[in-house]
Amino acid sequence: MITALTIIQIIFGILLILAVLLQQKGSGLGAGFGGNGSGVILTKRGADLFLHRATIVLSVLFFGTGFIMLFL
């Protein structure tokens, strides 16, 4: 059981790192792939919204598995 939870937590950790690194502060996802970033949009749309929500879900899952492993 501990081994399975450890593997799951490692997977969640790697996915969380990727989700955070894909987000660009201020310029949005377009700047990471060569966009000029001059058109500032104040709302999250498309891939930015997906990455934002994925980061929240992955962080809750990561800390949840860590909390479960604490009591095993």
Protein backbone atom coordinates (compact mmCIF):
# COMPACT_ATOMS: atom_id res chain seq x y z
CA MET A 1 0.00 0.00 0.00
CA ILE A 2 2.79 2.43 0.90
CA THR A 3 4.64 1.63 -2.33
CA ALA A 4 1.57 2.32 -4.47
CA LEU A 5 0.91 5.62 -2.68
CA THR A 6 4.55 6.63 -3.06
CA ILE A 7 4.46 5.98 -6.81
CA ILE A 8 1.18 7.89 -7.12
CA GLN A 9 2.63 10.82 -5.19
CA ILE A 10 5.71 10.89 -7.39
CA ILE A 11 3.49 10.98 -10.49
CA PHE A 12 1.37 13.79 -9.01
CA GLY A 13 4.55 15.68 -8.10
CA ILE A 14 5.98 15.45 -11.62
CA LEU A 15 2.67 16.53 -13.16
CA LEU A 16 2.42 19.43 -10.69
CA ILE A 17 5.93 20.61 -11.58
CA LEU A 18 5.08 20.49 -15.29
CA ALA A 19 1.83 22.39 -14.77
CA VAL A 20 3.59 25.14 -12.81
CA LEU A 21 6.47 25.44 -15.29
CA LEU A 22 4.11 25.77 -18.25
CA GLN A 23 2.50 28.84 -16.69
CA GLN A 24 4.11 32.16 -17.51
CA LYS A 25 3.78 34.99 -15.00
CA GLY A 26 2.12 38.00 -16.61
CA SER A 27 2.29 37.09 -20.28
CA GLY A 28 0.26 33.91 -20.40
CA LEU A 29 0.94 30.69 -22.24
CA GLY A 30 1.68 32.41 -25.56
CA ALA A 31 4.96 33.92 -24.37
CA GLY A 32 6.33 30.49 -23.57
CA PHE A 33 5.91 29.46 -27.19
CA GLY A 34 7.20 32.59 -28.90
CA GLY A 35 4.28 35.00 -28.58
CA ASN A 36 5.00 38.68 -28.13
CA GLY A 37 2.88 39.05 -24.99
CA SER A 38 1.98 42.67 -25.74
CA GLY A 39 -1.76 42.04 -25.74
CA VAL A 40 -2.49 41.66 -22.05
CA ILE A 41 -5.70 39.80 -21.30
CA LEU A 42 -6.88 40.03 -17.70
CA THR A 43 -8.98 36.86 -17.75
CA LYS A 44 -7.77 33.32 -18.08
CA ARG A 45 -8.96 31.54 -21.20
CA GLY A 46 -8.30 28.27 -22.95
CA ALA A 47 -5.03 26.63 -22.04
CA ASP A 48 -4.27 29.15 -19.29
CA LEU A 49 -7.54 28.35 -17.51
CA PHE A 50 -6.93 24.62 -17.90
CA LEU A 51 -3.40 24.90 -16.47
CA HIS A 52 -4.66 27.03 -13.58
CA ARG A 53 -7.32 24.49 -12.64
CA ALA A 54 -4.98 21.55 -13.22
CA THR A 55 -2.45 23.11 -10.84
CA ILE A 56 -5.07 23.44 -8.12
CA VAL A 57 -6.34 19.88 -8.57
CA LEU A 58 -2.84 18.38 -8.72
CA SER A 59 -1.71 20.26 -5.62
CA VAL A 60 -4.75 19.04 -3.65
CA LEU A 61 -4.12 15.46 -4.82
CA PHE A 62 -0.39 15.71 -4.02
CA PHE A 63 -0.95 16.98 -0.50
CA GLY A 64 -3.85 14.57 -0.02
CA THR A 65 -1.68 11.55 -0.78
CA GLY A 66 1.00 12.94 1.53
CA PHE A 67 -1.57 13.36 4.29
CA ILE A 68 -2.81 9.79 3.79
CA MET A 69 0.74 8.46 3.89
CA LEU A 70 1.28 10.30 7.17
CA PHE A 71 -1.19 8.01 8.94
CA LEU A 72 -0.10 4.70 7.38
